[in-house]
Amino acid sequence: SSPVLQGIACKNTFVLDPQAAAKEWVEQKDASVKTVVCDAFCLPAMIGLVVSQFYDLMEVDRNAARICESTHADSGNVEAASILARTLANLLKGRSMTEVGAEMERDLRKTESLNYTLQQLSHPI
């Protein structure tokens, strides 16, 4: 399971406000604990939203960010969820794999320029 979700679920505020708990998790500064703030467990949750709203890329982006932020507030997670959501939506629209792949590569290069440091990257599958 996700180390991010495990940490966030232990927060007292998680049941009432998961987004606040996720943000608190990212912002904690306990140097004695190696805190994992970014993993790929936020990605599967937003795939269903893409399928139902693929025709509206702005809605896809907003939904991906909103769903991701409810458990994974790190900006690297949110950006990854948005990139994956846009990629899937564009494929569902019938755009070519070559075109969509090139667009995704451009989006990924932009995130590299933000210099994210991922302490751990894992996938639930």
N, C-alpha and C. Protein backbone atom coordinates (compact mmCIF):
# COMPACT_ATOMS: atom_id res chain seq x y z
N SER A 1 0.83 -1.18 0.00
CA SER A 1 0.00 0.00 0.00
C SER A 1 0.88 1.24 0.00
N SER A 2 0.25 2.35 -0.23
CA SER A 2 0.96 3.62 -0.37
C SER A 2 1.46 4.17 0.96
N PRO A 3 2.75 4.48 1.06
CA PRO A 3 3.25 5.10 2.28
C PRO A 3 2.64 6.48 2.50
N VAL A 4 2.29 7.16 1.42
CA VAL A 4 1.65 8.47 1.55
C VAL A 4 0.26 8.29 2.17
N LEU A 5 -0.52 7.36 1.62
CA LEU A 5 -1.86 7.13 2.15
C LEU A 5 -1.83 6.66 3.60
N GLN A 6 -0.86 5.82 3.94
CA GLN A 6 -0.74 5.35 5.32
C GLN A 6 -0.50 6.52 6.27
N GLY A 7 0.39 7.41 5.88
CA GLY A 7 0.69 8.56 6.73
C GLY A 7 -0.46 9.53 6.84
N ILE A 8 -1.13 9.79 5.73
CA ILE A 8 -2.24 10.74 5.73
C ILE A 8 -3.43 10.19 6.50
N ALA A 9 -3.71 8.90 6.35
CA ALA A 9 -4.85 8.29 7.03
C ALA A 9 -4.71 8.34 8.55
N CYS A 10 -3.48 8.46 9.04
CA CYS A 10 -3.25 8.56 10.49
C CYS A 10 -3.52 9.95 11.04
N LYS A 11 -3.65 10.93 10.17
CA LYS A 11 -3.91 12.30 10.61
C LYS A 11 -5.34 12.40 11.15
N ASN A 12 -5.52 13.12 12.24
CA ASN A 12 -6.85 13.29 12.84
C ASN A 12 -7.82 13.98 11.89
N THR A 13 -7.31 14.83 11.04
CA THR A 13 -8.17 15.61 10.15
C THR A 13 -8.59 14.86 8.89
N PHE A 14 -8.04 13.67 8.67
CA PHE A 14 -8.26 12.97 7.40
C PHE A 14 -9.74 12.69 7.12
N VAL A 15 -10.48 12.24 8.11
CA VAL A 15 -11.88 11.88 7.89
C VAL A 15 -12.71 13.11 7.53
N LEU A 16 -12.45 14.23 8.16
CA LEU A 16 -13.23 15.44 7.92
C LEU A 16 -12.75 16.23 6.71
N ASP A 17 -11.45 16.25 6.47
CA ASP A 17 -10.90 17.06 5.39
C ASP A 17 -9.63 16.40 4.84
N PRO A 18 -9.80 15.41 3.94
CA PRO A 18 -8.62 14.70 3.44
C PRO A 18 -7.62 15.61 2.71
N GLN A 19 -8.11 16.66 2.04
CA GLN A 19 -7.19 17.56 1.35
C GLN A 19 -6.29 18.30 2.34
N ALA A 20 -6.86 18.73 3.46
CA ALA A 20 -6.06 19.41 4.48
C ALA A 20 -5.04 18.45 5.09
N ALA A 21 -5.46 17.21 5.33
CA ALA A 21 -4.54 16.21 5.88
C ALA A 21 -3.40 15.93 4.90
N ALA A 22 -3.73 15.85 3.60
CA ALA A 22 -2.70 15.60 2.59
C ALA A 22 -1.72 16.77 2.52
N LYS A 23 -2.25 17.98 2.59
CA LYS A 23 -1.38 19.17 2.56
C LYS A 23 -0.49 19.21 3.80
N GLU A 24 -1.06 18.89 4.95
CA GLU A 24 -0.28 18.84 6.20
C GLU A 24 0.85 17.81 6.09
N TRP A 25 0.56 16.68 5.48
CA TRP A 25 1.56 15.62 5.31
C TRP A 25 2.74 16.12 4.48
N VAL A 26 2.45 16.82 3.40
CA VAL A 26 3.50 17.34 2.52
C VAL A 26 4.34 18.40 3.23
N GLU A 27 3.69 19.21 4.04
CA GLU A 27 4.38 20.34 4.66
C GLU A 27 5.10 20.01 5.96
N GLN A 28 4.93 18.80 6.50
CA GLN A 28 5.61 18.48 7.77
C GLN A 28 7.12 18.47 7.56
N LYS A 29 7.81 18.89 8.57
CA LYS A 29 9.27 19.07 8.45
C LYS A 29 10.04 18.31 9.53
N ASP A 30 9.60 17.12 9.87
CA ASP A 30 10.29 16.32 10.88
C ASP A 30 11.52 15.68 10.25
N ALA A 31 12.69 16.22 10.56
CA ALA A 31 13.94 15.74 9.95
C ALA A 31 14.31 14.33 10.40
N SER A 32 13.73 13.87 11.50
CA SER A 32 14.07 12.54 12.00
C SER A 32 13.32 11.43 11.26
N VAL A 33 12.36 11.82 10.43
CA VAL A 33 11.55 10.84 9.71
C VAL A 33 11.72 11.07 8.21
N LYS A 34 12.00 9.99 7.48
CA LYS A 34 12.06 10.10 6.02
C LYS A 34 10.62 10.06 5.50
N THR A 35 10.11 11.19 5.12
CA THR A 35 8.72 11.30 4.71
C THR A 35 8.61 11.14 3.20
N VAL A 36 7.79 10.19 2.79
CA VAL A 36 7.50 10.01 1.36
C VAL A 36 6.31 10.89 1.04
N VAL A 37 6.47 11.83 0.13
CA VAL A 37 5.39 12.76 -0.18
C VAL A 37 4.81 12.53 -1.57
N CYS A 38 5.44 11.67 -2.35
CA CYS A 38 5.01 11.51 -3.73
C CYS A 38 5.09 10.04 -4.12
N ASP A 39 3.97 9.48 -4.57
CA ASP A 39 3.96 8.14 -5.13
C ASP A 39 2.85 8.06 -6.17
N ALA A 40 2.74 6.96 -6.85
CA ALA A 40 1.80 6.85 -7.97
C ALA A 40 0.43 6.31 -7.59
N PHE A 41 0.16 6.16 -6.32
CA PHE A 41 -1.12 5.60 -5.90
C PHE A 41 -2.29 6.54 -6.14
N CYS A 42 -2.03 7.79 -6.42
CA CYS A 42 -3.12 8.73 -6.71
C CYS A 42 -3.63 8.59 -8.14
N LEU A 43 -2.87 7.94 -9.00
CA LEU A 43 -3.23 7.90 -10.42
C LEU A 43 -4.45 7.05 -10.76
N PRO A 44 -4.58 5.83 -10.25
CA PRO A 44 -5.74 5.02 -10.64
C PRO A 44 -7.09 5.63 -10.26
N ALA A 45 -7.14 6.39 -9.19
CA ALA A 45 -8.42 6.94 -8.72
C ALA A 45 -9.06 7.90 -9.72
N MET A 46 -8.28 8.55 -10.54
CA MET A 46 -8.86 9.55 -11.43
C MET A 46 -9.14 9.01 -12.84
N ILE A 47 -8.81 7.77 -13.11
CA ILE A 47 -9.02 7.23 -14.45
C ILE A 47 -10.50 7.19 -14.83
N GLY A 48 -11.36 6.81 -13.90
CA GLY A 48 -12.79 6.78 -14.17
C GLY A 48 -13.34 8.14 -14.53
N LEU A 49 -12.81 9.18 -13.92
CA LEU A 49 -13.25 10.54 -14.24
C LEU A 49 -12.89 10.92 -15.66
N VAL A 50 -11.76 10.44 -16.11
CA VAL A 50 -11.33 10.75 -17.47
C VAL A 50 -12.31 10.15 -18.48
N VAL A 51 -12.69 8.92 -18.24
CA VAL A 51 -13.58 8.23 -19.18
C VAL A 51 -14.90 8.97 -19.30
N SER A 52 -15.42 9.45 -18.19
CA SER A 52 -16.73 10.09 -18.22
C SER A 52 -16.70 11.53 -18.72
N GLN A 53 -15.57 12.19 -18.69
CA GLN A 53 -15.49 13.61 -19.06
C GLN A 53 -14.44 13.88 -20.14
N PHE A 54 -14.05 12.89 -20.91
CA PHE A 54 -12.90 13.03 -21.81
C PHE A 54 -13.04 14.15 -22.84
N TYR A 55 -14.24 14.53 -23.17
CA TYR A 55 -14.47 15.55 -24.20
C TYR A 55 -14.12 16.96 -23.73
N ASP A 56 -13.97 17.17 -22.41
CA ASP A 56 -13.70 18.50 -21.85
C ASP A 56 -12.36 18.46 -21.10
N LEU A 57 -11.28 18.84 -21.78
CA LEU A 57 -9.94 18.74 -21.17
C LEU A 57 -9.78 19.59 -19.92
N MET A 58 -10.42 20.75 -19.88
CA MET A 58 -10.32 21.58 -18.67
C MET A 58 -10.97 20.87 -17.48
N GLU A 59 -12.11 20.23 -17.71
CA GLU A 59 -12.78 19.49 -16.65
C GLU A 59 -11.94 18.28 -16.23
N VAL A 60 -11.34 17.61 -17.21
CA VAL A 60 -10.46 16.47 -16.92
C VAL A 60 -9.31 16.92 -16.04
N ASP A 61 -8.69 18.03 -16.38
CA ASP A 61 -7.57 18.57 -15.59
C ASP A 61 -8.00 18.91 -14.16
N ARG A 62 -9.13 19.62 -14.04
CA ARG A 62 -9.63 20.01 -12.71
C ARG A 62 -9.96 18.78 -11.87
N ASN A 63 -10.64 17.80 -12.47
CA ASN A 63 -11.01 16.59 -11.73
C ASN A 63 -9.78 15.80 -11.30
N ALA A 64 -8.81 15.66 -12.20
CA ALA A 64 -7.59 14.92 -11.86
C ALA A 64 -6.88 15.58 -10.70
N ALA A 65 -6.74 16.90 -10.74
CA ALA A 65 -6.07 17.62 -9.65
C ALA A 65 -6.86 17.48 -8.35
N ARG A 66 -8.17 17.65 -8.42
CA ARG A 66 -9.01 17.59 -7.21
C ARG A 66 -8.94 16.21 -6.56
N ILE A 67 -9.08 15.16 -7.37
CA ILE A 67 -9.03 13.81 -6.83
C ILE A 67 -7.65 13.50 -6.27
N CYS A 68 -6.62 13.86 -6.99
CA CYS A 68 -5.26 13.60 -6.53
C CYS A 68 -4.97 14.34 -5.23
N GLU A 69 -5.35 15.61 -5.16
CA GLU A 69 -5.06 16.42 -3.98
C GLU A 69 -5.78 15.91 -2.73
N SER A 70 -6.83 15.11 -2.90
CA SER A 70 -7.54 14.62 -1.72
C SER A 70 -6.71 13.62 -0.93
N THR A 71 -5.68 13.04 -1.55
CA THR A 71 -4.79 12.15 -0.80
C THR A 71 -3.31 12.44 -1.05
N HIS A 72 -2.97 13.08 -2.14
CA HIS A 72 -1.57 13.31 -2.51
C HIS A 72 -1.39 14.78 -2.90
N ALA A 73 -1.08 15.62 -1.94
CA ALA A 73 -1.03 17.06 -2.16
C ALA A 73 0.27 17.54 -2.81
N ASP A 74 1.27 16.69 -2.90
CA ASP A 74 2.53 17.12 -3.50
C ASP A 74 2.31 17.54 -4.95
N SER A 75 2.91 18.63 -5.35
CA SER A 75 2.70 19.16 -6.70
C SER A 75 3.15 18.17 -7.78
N GLY A 76 4.12 17.33 -7.48
CA GLY A 76 4.55 16.31 -8.44
C GLY A 76 3.46 15.29 -8.71
N ASN A 77 2.74 14.90 -7.65
CA ASN A 77 1.61 13.99 -7.83
C ASN A 77 0.50 14.63 -8.65
N VAL A 78 0.17 15.87 -8.33
CA VAL A 78 -0.92 16.55 -9.01
C VAL A 78 -0.60 16.71 -10.49
N GLU A 79 0.62 17.08 -10.79
CA GLU A 79 1.02 17.24 -12.19
C GLU A 79 1.00 15.91 -12.93
N ALA A 80 1.48 14.85 -12.30
CA ALA A 80 1.46 13.52 -12.92
C ALA A 80 0.03 13.07 -13.20
N ALA A 81 -0.87 13.30 -12.26
CA ALA A 81 -2.28 12.94 -12.46
C ALA A 81 -2.88 13.72 -13.62
N SER A 82 -2.56 15.00 -13.72
CA SER A 82 -3.10 15.82 -14.80
C SER A 82 -2.55 15.38 -16.16
N ILE A 83 -1.27 15.08 -16.21
CA ILE A 83 -0.67 14.63 -17.47
C ILE A 83 -1.29 13.32 -17.92
N LEU A 84 -1.42 12.36 -17.00
CA LEU A 84 -2.03 11.08 -17.35
C LEU A 84 -3.48 11.27 -17.79
N ALA A 85 -4.22 12.10 -17.07
CA ALA A 85 -5.62 12.34 -17.40
C ALA A 85 -5.76 12.95 -18.80
N ARG A 86 -4.96 13.97 -19.10
CA ARG A 86 -5.02 14.60 -20.43
C ARG A 86 -4.64 13.60 -21.52
N THR A 87 -3.63 12.78 -21.25
CA THR A 87 -3.19 11.79 -22.23
C THR A 87 -4.31 10.80 -22.53
N LEU A 88 -4.92 10.26 -21.49
CA LEU A 88 -6.01 9.31 -21.70
C LEU A 88 -7.20 9.96 -22.40
N ALA A 89 -7.55 11.17 -21.99
CA ALA A 89 -8.68 11.87 -22.62
C ALA A 89 -8.43 12.10 -24.10
N ASN A 90 -7.22 12.50 -24.44
CA ASN A 90 -6.90 12.73 -25.85
C ASN A 90 -6.94 11.44 -26.67
N LEU A 91 -6.51 10.35 -26.07
CA LEU A 91 -6.61 9.06 -26.77
C LEU A 91 -8.07 8.65 -26.96
N LEU A 92 -8.89 8.89 -25.94
CA LEU A 92 -10.32 8.58 -26.06
C LEU A 92 -11.00 9.46 -27.11
N LYS A 93 -10.47 10.63 -27.35
CA LYS A 93 -11.00 11.52 -28.40
C LYS A 93 -10.62 11.04 -29.79
N GLY A 94 -9.74 10.06 -29.86
CA GLY A 94 -9.35 9.53 -31.15
C GLY A 94 -8.10 10.14 -31.76
N ARG A 95 -7.39 10.95 -30.99
CA ARG A 95 -6.15 11.52 -31.50
C ARG A 95 -5.11 10.41 -31.65
N SER A 96 -4.17 10.60 -32.54
CA SER A 96 -3.19 9.56 -32.81
C SER A 96 -2.23 9.38 -31.63
N MET A 97 -1.77 8.15 -31.48
CA MET A 97 -0.83 7.83 -30.41
C MET A 97 0.45 8.66 -30.56
N THR A 98 0.90 8.88 -31.78
CA THR A 98 2.11 9.66 -32.02
C THR A 98 1.93 11.09 -31.53
N GLU A 99 0.81 11.69 -31.89
CA GLU A 99 0.53 13.07 -31.50
C GLU A 99 0.38 13.20 -29.98
N VAL A 100 -0.39 12.29 -29.39
CA VAL A 100 -0.62 12.33 -27.94
C VAL A 100 0.67 12.02 -27.19
N GLY A 101 1.45 11.08 -27.69
CA GLY A 101 2.73 10.75 -27.05
C GLY A 101 3.68 11.93 -27.06
N ALA A 102 3.73 12.66 -28.19
CA ALA A 102 4.61 13.83 -28.27
C ALA A 102 4.16 14.92 -27.30
N GLU A 103 2.84 15.10 -27.19
CA GLU A 103 2.32 16.10 -26.25
C GLU A 103 2.64 15.71 -24.80
N MET A 104 2.50 14.43 -24.49
CA MET A 104 2.80 13.96 -23.15
C MET A 104 4.29 14.17 -22.85
N GLU A 105 5.13 13.88 -23.82
CA GLU A 105 6.57 14.07 -23.63
C GLU A 105 6.90 15.54 -23.35
N ARG A 106 6.25 16.46 -24.07
CA ARG A 106 6.45 17.89 -23.82
C ARG A 106 6.02 18.25 -22.39
N ASP A 107 4.86 17.72 -21.98
CA ASP A 107 4.37 18.00 -20.62
C ASP A 107 5.33 17.47 -19.57
N LEU A 108 5.87 16.28 -19.79
CA LEU A 108 6.82 15.70 -18.84
C LEU A 108 8.10 16.51 -18.77
N ARG A 109 8.55 17.01 -19.90
CA ARG A 109 9.76 17.84 -19.90
C ARG A 109 9.55 19.11 -19.11
N LYS A 110 8.35 19.68 -19.18
CA LYS A 110 8.05 20.89 -18.39
C LYS A 110 8.16 20.59 -16.91
N THR A 111 7.67 19.42 -16.49
CA THR A 111 7.73 19.09 -15.07
C THR A 111 9.16 18.83 -14.63
N GLU A 112 9.99 18.31 -15.51
CA GLU A 112 11.40 18.11 -15.17
C GLU A 112 12.07 19.43 -14.85
N SER A 113 11.65 20.49 -15.53
CA SER A 113 12.26 21.80 -15.28
C SER A 113 11.88 22.34 -13.91
N LEU A 114 10.82 21.79 -13.29
CA LEU A 114 10.45 22.22 -11.95
C LEU A 114 11.31 21.57 -10.88
N ASN A 115 12.14 20.61 -11.30
CA ASN A 115 13.12 19.97 -10.42
C ASN A 115 12.48 19.29 -9.21
N TYR A 116 11.51 18.43 -9.47
CA TYR A 116 10.91 17.66 -8.39
C TYR A 116 11.91 16.62 -7.89
N THR A 117 11.96 16.44 -6.60
CA THR A 117 12.75 15.37 -6.02
C THR A 117 11.78 14.37 -5.44
N LEU A 118 11.68 13.19 -6.02
CA LEU A 118 10.80 12.16 -5.53
C LEU A 118 11.59 11.24 -4.61
N GLN A 119 11.14 11.12 -3.38
CA GLN A 119 11.82 10.23 -2.44
C GLN A 119 11.47 8.78 -2.74
N GLN A 120 10.28 8.55 -3.29
CA GLN A 120 9.90 7.17 -3.62
C GLN A 120 8.85 7.25 -4.72
N LEU A 121 8.92 6.35 -5.66
CA LEU A 121 7.90 6.25 -6.68
C LEU A 121 7.50 4.79 -6.77
N SER A 122 6.26 4.52 -6.51
CA SER A 122 5.77 3.15 -6.53
C SER A 122 4.46 3.10 -7.27
N HIS A 123 4.02 1.93 -7.61
CA HIS A 123 2.77 1.75 -8.34
C HIS A 123 1.98 0.65 -7.69
N PRO A 124 0.67 0.84 -7.56
CA PRO A 124 -0.15 -0.15 -6.84
C PRO A 124 -0.34 -1.47 -7.56
N ILE A 125 -0.05 -1.55 -8.84
CA ILE A 125 -0.30 -2.78 -9.60
C ILE A 125 0.95 -3.64 -9.64
